[in-house]
Amino acid sequence: MKVFSYEELVEFIEKELASSPNERIVLCYSKTNKDDIRTFIIAPDDMLVTKPWQCIPQQISKGDYIHADLNDIYGIEKVIFKCCFTEV
């Protein structure tokens, strides 16, 4: 499992978004709002992320999704993702 600080996660996201083509980048919209297009990155490995404002680290499993908005980074399990979002 890879361990990331919040700053390292930001660097990881920036690197993933800059690499093209990248099959791990997914554009999708919320099932409640088709006009709200979001970018996610499929986690390539198990990750443990420490965010300064949370007491405990967030675990992101390989295949889960990382919201790639640098102003709102979070992980979402792939099972929950499929209930909430649709790929473009």
PDB file of N, CA and C in Angstrom:
ATOM      1  N   MET A   1       0.842  -1.175   0.000  1.00  0.00           N
ATOM      2  CA  MET A   1       0.000   0.000   0.000  1.00  0.00           C
ATOM      3  C   MET A   1       0.890   1.241   0.000  1.00  0.00           C
ATOM      4  N   LYS A   2       0.569   2.157  -0.876  1.00  0.00           N
ATOM      5  CA  LYS A   2       1.324   3.403  -0.938  1.00  0.00           C
ATOM      6  C   LYS A   2       0.702   4.410   0.027  1.00  0.00           C
ATOM      7  N   VAL A   3       1.560   5.131   0.747  1.00  0.00           N
ATOM      8  CA  VAL A   3       1.113   6.133   1.710  1.00  0.00           C
ATOM      9  C   VAL A   3       1.415   7.510   1.136  1.00  0.00           C
ATOM     10  N   PHE A   4       0.391   8.374   1.120  1.00  0.00           N
ATOM     11  CA  PHE A   4       0.518   9.715   0.565  1.00  0.00           C
ATOM     12  C   PHE A   4       0.142  10.756   1.601  1.00  0.00           C
ATOM     13  N   SER A   5       0.912  11.829   1.653  1.00  0.00           N
ATOM     14  CA  SER A   5       0.449  13.022   2.354  1.00  0.00           C
ATOM     15  C   SER A   5      -0.511  13.720   1.389  1.00  0.00           C
ATOM     16  N   TYR A   6      -1.231  14.711   1.881  1.00  0.00           N
ATOM     17  CA  TYR A   6      -2.146  15.437   0.999  1.00  0.00           C
ATOM     18  C   TYR A   6      -1.384  16.089  -0.159  1.00  0.00           C
ATOM     19  N   GLU A   7      -0.227  16.657   0.134  1.00  0.00           N
ATOM     20  CA  GLU A   7       0.580  17.310  -0.898  1.00  0.00           C
ATOM     21  C   GLU A   7       1.053  16.297  -1.953  1.00  0.00           C
ATOM     22  N   GLU A   8       1.421  15.111  -1.510  1.00  0.00           N
ATOM     23  CA  GLU A   8       1.847  14.074  -2.449  1.00  0.00           C
ATOM     24  C   GLU A   8       0.670  13.599  -3.313  1.00  0.00           C
ATOM     25  N   LEU A   9      -0.531  13.560  -2.734  1.00  0.00           N
ATOM     26  CA  LEU A   9      -1.712  13.193  -3.516  1.00  0.00           C
ATOM     27  C   LEU A   9      -1.996  14.238  -4.588  1.00  0.00           C
ATOM     28  N   VAL A  10      -1.849  15.517  -4.241  1.00  0.00           N
ATOM     29  CA  VAL A  10      -2.029  16.589  -5.224  1.00  0.00           C
ATOM     30  C   VAL A  10      -1.027  16.411  -6.368  1.00  0.00           C
ATOM     31  N   GLU A  11       0.233  16.135  -6.053  1.00  0.00           N
ATOM     32  CA  GLU A  11       1.251  15.903  -7.088  1.00  0.00           C
ATOM     33  C   GLU A  11       0.898  14.697  -7.947  1.00  0.00           C
ATOM     34  N   PHE A  12       0.400  13.621  -7.323  1.00  0.00           N
ATOM     35  CA  PHE A  12      -0.011  12.433  -8.060  1.00  0.00           C
ATOM     36  C   PHE A  12      -1.126  12.777  -9.057  1.00  0.00           C
ATOM     37  N   ILE A  13      -2.129  13.526  -8.597  1.00  0.00           N
ATOM     38  CA  ILE A  13      -3.252  13.904  -9.463  1.00  0.00           C
ATOM     39  C   ILE A  13      -2.768  14.773 -10.610  1.00  0.00           C
ATOM     40  N   GLU A  14      -1.931  15.762 -10.327  1.00  0.00           N
ATOM     41  CA  GLU A  14      -1.416  16.640 -11.387  1.00  0.00           C
ATOM     42  C   GLU A  14      -0.645  15.832 -12.430  1.00  0.00           C
ATOM     43  N   LYS A  15       0.165  14.881 -11.980  1.00  0.00           N
ATOM     44  CA  LYS A  15       0.940  14.039 -12.892  1.00  0.00           C
ATOM     45  C   LYS A  15       0.014  13.176 -13.750  1.00  0.00           C
ATOM     46  N   GLU A  16      -0.999  12.573 -13.132  1.00  0.00           N
ATOM     47  CA  GLU A  16      -1.945  11.739 -13.877  1.00  0.00           C
ATOM     48  C   GLU A  16      -2.695  12.556 -14.923  1.00  0.00           C
ATOM     49  N   LEU A  17      -3.144  13.753 -14.561  1.00  0.00           N
ATOM     50  CA  LEU A  17      -3.892  14.592 -15.497  1.00  0.00           C
ATOM     51  C   LEU A  17      -3.021  15.082 -16.644  1.00  0.00           C
ATOM     52  N   ALA A  18      -1.713  15.223 -16.402  1.00  0.00           N
ATOM     53  CA  ALA A  18      -0.800  15.718 -17.438  1.00  0.00           C
ATOM     54  C   ALA A  18      -0.387  14.631 -18.419  1.00  0.00           C
ATOM     55  N   SER A  19      -0.515  13.365 -18.020  1.00  0.00           N
ATOM     56  CA  SER A  19      -0.095  12.292 -18.921  1.00  0.00           C
ATOM     57  C   SER A  19      -1.233  11.951 -19.880  1.00  0.00           C
ATOM     58  N   SER A  20      -0.888  11.916 -21.145  1.00  0.00           N
ATOM     59  CA  SER A  20      -1.901  11.677 -22.166  1.00  0.00           C
ATOM     60  C   SER A  20      -1.344  10.739 -23.220  1.00  0.00           C
ATOM     61  N   PRO A  21      -2.063   9.754 -23.650  1.00  0.00           N
ATOM     62  CA  PRO A  21      -3.378   9.348 -23.137  1.00  0.00           C
ATOM     63  C   PRO A  21      -3.236   8.618 -21.814  1.00  0.00           C
ATOM     64  N   ASN A  22      -4.297   8.611 -21.048  1.00  0.00           N
ATOM     65  CA  ASN A  22      -4.276   7.967 -19.744  1.00  0.00           C
ATOM     66  C   ASN A  22      -5.623   7.278 -19.524  1.00  0.00           C
ATOM     67  N   GLU A  23      -5.623   5.960 -19.570  1.00  0.00           N
ATOM     68  CA  GLU A  23      -6.883   5.214 -19.440  1.00  0.00           C
ATOM     69  C   GLU A  23      -7.440   5.244 -18.021  1.00  0.00           C
ATOM     70  N   ARG A  24      -6.672   5.746 -17.066  1.00  0.00           N
ATOM     71  CA  ARG A  24      -7.178   5.844 -15.692  1.00  0.00           C
ATOM     72  C   ARG A  24      -8.027   7.100 -15.467  1.00  0.00           C
ATOM     73  N   ILE A  25      -7.996   8.040 -16.392  1.00  0.00           N
ATOM     74  CA  ILE A  25      -8.793   9.256 -16.255  1.00  0.00           C
ATOM     75  C   ILE A  25     -10.197   8.991 -16.804  1.00  0.00           C
ATOM     76  N   VAL A  26     -11.194   9.325 -15.975  1.00  0.00           N
ATOM     77  CA  VAL A  26     -12.588   9.073 -16.327  1.00  0.00           C
ATOM     78  C   VAL A  26     -13.377  10.375 -16.190  1.00  0.00           C
ATOM     79  N   LEU A  27     -14.067  10.759 -17.256  1.00  0.00           N
ATOM     80  CA  LEU A  27     -14.980  11.897 -17.201  1.00  0.00           C
ATOM     81  C   LEU A  27     -16.380  11.335 -16.985  1.00  0.00           C
ATOM     82  N   CYS A  28     -17.115  11.936 -16.079  1.00  0.00           N
ATOM     83  CA  CYS A  28     -18.452  11.434 -15.798  1.00  0.00           C
ATOM     84  C   CYS A  28     -19.319  12.558 -15.251  1.00  0.00           C
ATOM     85  N   TYR A  29     -20.593  12.246 -15.120  1.00  0.00           N
ATOM     86  CA  TYR A  29     -21.513  13.201 -14.522  1.00  0.00           C
ATOM     87  C   TYR A  29     -22.311  12.501 -13.430  1.00  0.00           C
ATOM     88  N   SER A  30     -22.792  13.294 -12.509  1.00  0.00           N
ATOM     89  CA  SER A  30     -23.623  12.791 -11.429  1.00  0.00           C
ATOM     90  C   SER A  30     -24.948  12.332 -12.012  1.00  0.00           C
ATOM     91  N   LYS A  31     -25.496  11.249 -11.502  1.00  0.00           N
ATOM     92  CA  LYS A  31     -26.779  10.753 -11.993  1.00  0.00           C
ATOM     93  C   LYS A  31     -27.909  11.724 -11.681  1.00  0.00           C
ATOM     94  N   THR A  32     -27.664  12.674 -10.788  1.00  0.00           N
ATOM     95  CA  THR A  32     -28.682  13.674 -10.471  1.00  0.00           C
ATOM     96  C   THR A  32     -28.501  14.974 -11.251  1.00  0.00           C
ATOM     97  N   ASN A  33     -27.350  15.125 -11.950  1.00  0.00           N
ATOM     98  CA  ASN A  33     -27.092  16.362 -12.687  1.00  0.00           C
ATOM     99  C   ASN A  33     -26.172  16.073 -13.861  1.00  0.00           C
ATOM    100  N   LYS A  34     -26.740  15.891 -15.036  1.00  0.00           N
ATOM    101  CA  LYS A  34     -25.957  15.550 -16.227  1.00  0.00           C
ATOM    102  C   LYS A  34     -25.105  16.706 -16.744  1.00  0.00           C
ATOM    103  N   ASP A  35     -25.337  17.899 -16.247  1.00  0.00           N
ATOM    104  CA  ASP A  35     -24.550  19.057 -16.664  1.00  0.00           C
ATOM    105  C   ASP A  35     -23.276  19.224 -15.844  1.00  0.00           C
ATOM    106  N   ASP A  36     -23.152  18.483 -14.766  1.00  0.00           N
ATOM    107  CA  ASP A  36     -22.014  18.599 -13.858  1.00  0.00           C
ATOM    108  C   ASP A  36     -20.970  17.529 -14.196  1.00  0.00           C
ATOM    109  N   ILE A  37     -20.095  17.830 -15.169  1.00  0.00           N
ATOM    110  CA  ILE A  37     -19.060  16.894 -15.603  1.00  0.00           C
ATOM    111  C   ILE A  37     -17.896  16.950 -14.622  1.00  0.00           C
ATOM    112  N   ARG A  38     -17.476  15.778 -14.147  1.00  0.00           N
ATOM    113  CA  ARG A  38     -16.373  15.694 -13.186  1.00  0.00           C
ATOM    114  C   ARG A  38     -15.283  14.774 -13.720  1.00  0.00           C
ATOM    115  N   THR A  39     -14.085  14.978 -13.220  1.00  0.00           N
ATOM    116  CA  THR A  39     -12.941  14.150 -13.603  1.00  0.00           C
ATOM    117  C   THR A  39     -12.525  13.300 -12.414  1.00  0.00           C
ATOM    118  N   PHE A  40     -12.381  12.010 -12.671  1.00  0.00           N
ATOM    119  CA  PHE A  40     -11.907  11.071 -11.653  1.00  0.00           C
ATOM    120  C   PHE A  40     -10.706  10.316 -12.196  1.00  0.00           C
ATOM    121  N   ILE A  41      -9.891   9.816 -11.291  1.00  0.00           N
ATOM    122  CA  ILE A  41      -8.756   8.964 -11.643  1.00  0.00           C
ATOM    123  C   ILE A  41      -8.986   7.622 -10.956  1.00  0.00           C
ATOM    124  N   ILE A  42      -8.859   6.547 -11.714  1.00  0.00           N
ATOM    125  CA  ILE A  42      -8.978   5.220 -11.132  1.00  0.00           C
ATOM    126  C   ILE A  42      -7.671   4.915 -10.413  1.00  0.00           C
ATOM    127  N   ALA A  43      -7.761   4.579  -9.138  1.00  0.00           N
ATOM    128  CA  ALA A  43      -6.570   4.325  -8.316  1.00  0.00           C
ATOM    129  C   ALA A  43      -5.809   3.112  -8.855  1.00  0.00           C
ATOM    130  N   PRO A  44      -4.517   3.294  -9.188  1.00  0.00           N
ATOM    131  CA  PRO A  44      -3.738   2.189  -9.744  1.00  0.00           C
ATOM    132  C   PRO A  44      -3.259   1.194  -8.682  1.00  0.00           C
ATOM    133  N   ASP A  45      -3.260   1.602  -7.423  1.00  0.00           N
ATOM    134  CA  ASP A  45      -2.781   0.782  -6.314  1.00  0.00           C
ATOM    135  C   ASP A  45      -3.604   1.103  -5.073  1.00  0.00           C
ATOM    136  N   ASP A  46      -3.461   0.274  -4.048  1.00  0.00           N
ATOM    137  CA  ASP A  46      -4.035   0.610  -2.746  1.00  0.00           C
ATOM    138  C   ASP A  46      -3.277   1.824  -2.212  1.00  0.00           C
ATOM    139  N   MET A  47      -4.020   2.777  -1.668  1.00  0.00           N
ATOM    140  CA  MET A  47      -3.423   4.021  -1.199  1.00  0.00           C
ATOM    141  C   MET A  47      -3.967   4.368   0.188  1.00  0.00           C
ATOM    142  N   LEU A  48      -3.139   5.006   0.969  1.00  0.00           N
ATOM    143  CA  LEU A  48      -3.537   5.544   2.260  1.00  0.00           C
ATOM    144  C   LEU A  48      -3.198   7.026   2.219  1.00  0.00           C
ATOM    145  N   VAL A  49      -4.214   7.880   2.387  1.00  0.00           N
ATOM    146  CA  VAL A  49      -4.043   9.324   2.214  1.00  0.00           C
ATOM    147  C   VAL A  49      -4.334  10.043   3.522  1.00  0.00           C
ATOM    148  N   THR A  50      -3.389  10.861   3.948  1.00  0.00           N
ATOM    149  CA  THR A  50      -3.562  11.665   5.149  1.00  0.00           C
ATOM    150  C   THR A  50      -3.927  13.087   4.734  1.00  0.00           C
ATOM    151  N   LYS A  51      -5.084  13.537   5.199  1.00  0.00           N
ATOM    152  CA  LYS A  51      -5.524  14.907   4.935  1.00  0.00           C
ATOM    153  C   LYS A  51      -5.404  15.694   6.235  1.00  0.00           C
ATOM    154  N   PRO A  52      -4.870  16.907   6.177  1.00  0.00           N
ATOM    155  CA  PRO A  52      -4.627  17.684   7.404  1.00  0.00           C
ATOM    156  C   PRO A  52      -5.881  17.939   8.242  1.00  0.00           C
ATOM    157  N   TRP A  53      -7.049  17.953   7.631  1.00  0.00           N
ATOM    158  CA  TRP A  53      -8.271  18.283   8.351  1.00  0.00           C
ATOM    159  C   TRP A  53      -9.024  17.042   8.852  1.00  0.00           C
ATOM    160  N   GLN A  54      -8.478  15.857   8.610  1.00  0.00           N
ATOM    161  CA  GLN A  54      -9.108  14.628   9.103  1.00  0.00           C
ATOM    162  C   GLN A  54      -8.202  13.955  10.127  1.00  0.00           C
ATOM    163  N   CYS A  55      -8.808  13.346  11.113  1.00  0.00           N
ATOM    164  CA  CYS A  55      -8.041  12.686  12.177  1.00  0.00           C
ATOM    165  C   CYS A  55      -7.438  11.359  11.725  1.00  0.00           C
ATOM    166  N   ILE A  56      -8.135  10.671  10.835  1.00  0.00           N
ATOM    167  CA  ILE A  56      -7.635   9.373  10.380  1.00  0.00           C
ATOM    168  C   ILE A  56      -7.437   9.402   8.872  1.00  0.00           C
ATOM    169  N   PRO A  57      -6.471   8.632   8.362  1.00  0.00           N
ATOM    170  CA  PRO A  57      -6.232   8.601   6.921  1.00  0.00           C
ATOM    171  C   PRO A  57      -7.381   7.914   6.179  1.00  0.00           C
ATOM    172  N   GLN A  58      -7.554   8.272   4.929  1.00  0.00           N
ATOM    173  CA  GLN A  58      -8.542   7.623   4.081  1.00  0.00           C
ATOM    174  C   GLN A  58      -7.856   6.529   3.282  1.00  0.00           C
ATOM    175  N   GLN A  59      -8.459   5.349   3.272  1.00  0.00           N
ATOM    176  CA  GLN A  59      -7.930   4.254   2.463  1.00  0.00           C
ATOM    177  C   GLN A  59      -8.670   4.233   1.140  1.00  0.00           C
ATOM    178  N   ILE A  60      -7.896   4.189   0.059  1.00  0.00           N
ATOM    179  CA  ILE A  60      -8.441   4.083  -1.288  1.00  0.00           C
ATOM    180  C   ILE A  60      -7.880   2.796  -1.873  1.00  0.00           C
ATOM    181  N   SER A  61      -8.762   1.901  -2.271  1.00  0.00           N
ATOM    182  CA  SER A  61      -8.329   0.615  -2.802  1.00  0.00           C
ATOM    183  C   SER A  61      -8.090   0.692  -4.303  1.00  0.00           C
ATOM    184  N   LYS A  62      -7.241  -0.188  -4.795  1.00  0.00           N
ATOM    185  CA  LYS A  62      -6.993  -0.282  -6.235  1.00  0.00           C
ATOM    186  C   LYS A  62      -8.333  -0.452  -6.946  1.00  0.00           C
ATOM    187  N   GLY A  63      -8.573   0.381  -7.967  1.00  0.00           N
ATOM    188  CA  GLY A  63      -9.828   0.321  -8.714  1.00  0.00           C
ATOM    189  C   GLY A  63     -10.884   1.292  -8.222  1.00  0.00           C
ATOM    190  N   ASP A  64     -10.683   1.882  -7.034  1.00  0.00           N
ATOM    191  CA  ASP A  64     -11.591   2.923  -6.556  1.00  0.00           C
ATOM    192  C   ASP A  64     -11.308   4.211  -7.334  1.00  0.00           C
ATOM    193  N   TYR A  65     -12.125   5.208  -7.124  1.00  0.00           N
ATOM    194  CA  TYR A  65     -12.029   6.452  -7.883  1.00  0.00           C
ATOM    195  C   TYR A  65     -11.572   7.599  -6.987  1.00  0.00           C
ATOM    196  N   ILE A  66     -10.731   8.460  -7.547  1.00  0.00           N
ATOM    197  CA  ILE A  66     -10.248   9.655  -6.854  1.00  0.00           C
ATOM    198  C   ILE A  66     -10.798  10.868  -7.598  1.00  0.00           C
ATOM    199  N   HIS A  67     -11.558  11.700  -6.896  1.00  0.00           N
ATOM    200  CA  HIS A  67     -12.069  12.928  -7.504  1.00  0.00           C
ATOM    201  C   HIS A  67     -10.878  13.846  -7.752  1.00  0.00           C
ATOM    202  N   ALA A  68     -10.668  14.237  -8.990  1.00  0.00           N
ATOM    203  CA  ALA A  68      -9.438  14.920  -9.394  1.00  0.00           C
ATOM    204  C   ALA A  68      -9.547  16.438  -9.410  1.00  0.00           C
ATOM    205  N   ASP A  69     -10.525  17.002  -8.745  1.00  0.00           N
ATOM    206  CA  ASP A  69     -10.632  18.449  -8.603  1.00  0.00           C
ATOM    207  C   ASP A  69      -9.731  18.847  -7.436  1.00  0.00           C
ATOM    208  N   LEU A  70      -8.690  19.623  -7.703  1.00  0.00           N
ATOM    209  CA  LEU A  70      -7.720  19.966  -6.659  1.00  0.00           C
ATOM    210  C   LEU A  70      -8.329  20.786  -5.521  1.00  0.00           C
ATOM    211  N   ASN A  71      -9.522  21.319  -5.716  1.00  0.00           N
ATOM    212  CA  ASN A  71     -10.214  22.039  -4.653  1.00  0.00           C
ATOM    213  C   ASN A  71     -11.145  21.134  -3.848  1.00  0.00           C
ATOM    214  N   ASP A  72     -11.288  19.878  -4.285  1.00  0.00           N
ATOM    215  CA  ASP A  72     -12.223  18.962  -3.626  1.00  0.00           C
ATOM    216  C   ASP A  72     -11.790  17.514  -3.898  1.00  0.00           C
ATOM    217  N   ILE A  73     -10.681  17.104  -3.303  1.00  0.00           N
ATOM    218  CA  ILE A  73     -10.134  15.765  -3.530  1.00  0.00           C
ATOM    219  C   ILE A  73     -10.738  14.793  -2.519  1.00  0.00           C
ATOM    220  N   TYR A  74     -11.224  13.683  -3.045  1.00  0.00           N
ATOM    221  CA  TYR A  74     -11.717  12.617  -2.172  1.00  0.00           C
ATOM    222  C   TYR A  74     -11.712  11.304  -2.937  1.00  0.00           C
ATOM    223  N   GLY A  75     -11.738  10.211  -2.217  1.00  0.00           N
ATOM    224  CA  GLY A  75     -11.829   8.895  -2.820  1.00  0.00           C
ATOM    225  C   GLY A  75     -13.239   8.363  -2.673  1.00  0.00           C
ATOM    226  N   ILE A  76     -13.652   7.550  -3.635  1.00  0.00           N
ATOM    227  CA  ILE A  76     -14.982   6.944  -3.589  1.00  0.00           C
ATOM    228  C   ILE A  76     -14.860   5.495  -4.055  1.00  0.00           C
ATOM    229  N   GLU A  77     -15.434   4.575  -3.295  1.00  0.00           N
ATOM    230  CA  GLU A  77     -15.370   3.167  -3.648  1.00  0.00           C
ATOM    231  C   GLU A  77     -16.056   2.928  -4.989  1.00  0.00           C
ATOM    232  N   LYS A  78     -15.515   1.986  -5.780  1.00  0.00           N
ATOM    233  CA  LYS A  78     -16.053   1.771  -7.124  1.00  0.00           C
ATOM    234  C   LYS A  78     -17.505   1.321  -7.100  1.00  0.00           C
ATOM    235  N   VAL A  79     -17.920   0.586  -6.084  1.00  0.00           N
ATOM    236  CA  VAL A  79     -19.320   0.151  -5.994  1.00  0.00           C
ATOM    237  C   VAL A  79     -20.234   1.357  -5.803  1.00  0.00           C
ATOM    238  N   ILE A  80     -19.846   2.259  -4.917  1.00  0.00           N
ATOM    239  CA  ILE A  80     -20.642   3.474  -4.674  1.00  0.00           C
ATOM    240  C   ILE A  80     -20.570   4.395  -5.871  1.00  0.00           C
ATOM    241  N   PHE A  81     -19.401   4.493  -6.494  1.00  0.00           N
ATOM    242  CA  PHE A  81     -19.222   5.344  -7.675  1.00  0.00           C
ATOM    243  C   PHE A  81     -20.261   4.998  -8.738  1.00  0.00           C
ATOM    244  N   LYS A  82     -20.430   3.714  -9.022  1.00  0.00           N
ATOM    245  CA  LYS A  82     -21.340   3.276 -10.084  1.00  0.00           C
ATOM    246  C   LYS A  82     -22.800   3.591  -9.751  1.00  0.00           C
ATOM    247  N   CYS A  83     -23.111   3.751  -8.482  1.00  0.00           N
ATOM    248  CA  CYS A  83     -24.472   4.135  -8.076  1.00  0.00           C
ATOM    249  C   CYS A  83     -24.705   5.632  -8.243  1.00  0.00           C
ATOM    250  N   CYS A  84     -23.641   6.418  -8.216  1.00  0.00           N
ATOM    251  CA  CYS A  84     -23.762   7.883  -8.196  1.00  0.00           C
ATOM    252  C   CYS A  84     -23.382   8.565  -9.494  1.00  0.00           C
ATOM    253  N   PHE A  85     -22.513   7.944 -10.313  1.00  0.00           N
ATOM    254  CA  PHE A  85     -21.981   8.614 -11.495  1.00  0.00           C
ATOM    255  C   PHE A  85     -22.119   7.743 -12.745  1.00  0.00           C
ATOM    256  N   THR A  86     -22.153   8.402 -13.904  1.00  0.00           N
ATOM    257  CA  THR A  86     -22.195   7.742 -15.204  1.00  0.00           C
ATOM    258  C   THR A  86     -21.066   8.303 -16.056  1.00  0.00           C
ATOM    259  N   GLU A  87     -20.308   7.419 -16.699  1.00  0.00           N
ATOM    260  CA  GLU A  87     -19.218   7.885 -17.569  1.00  0.00           C
ATOM    261  C   GLU A  87     -19.776   8.598 -18.795  1.00  0.00           C
ATOM    262  N   VAL A  88     -19.056   9.613 -19.226  1.00  0.00           N
ATOM    263  CA  VAL A  88     -19.430  10.395 -20.407  1.00  0.00           C
ATOM    264  C   VAL A  88     -19.084   9.593 -21.649  1.00  0.00           C
TER     265      VAL A  88
END
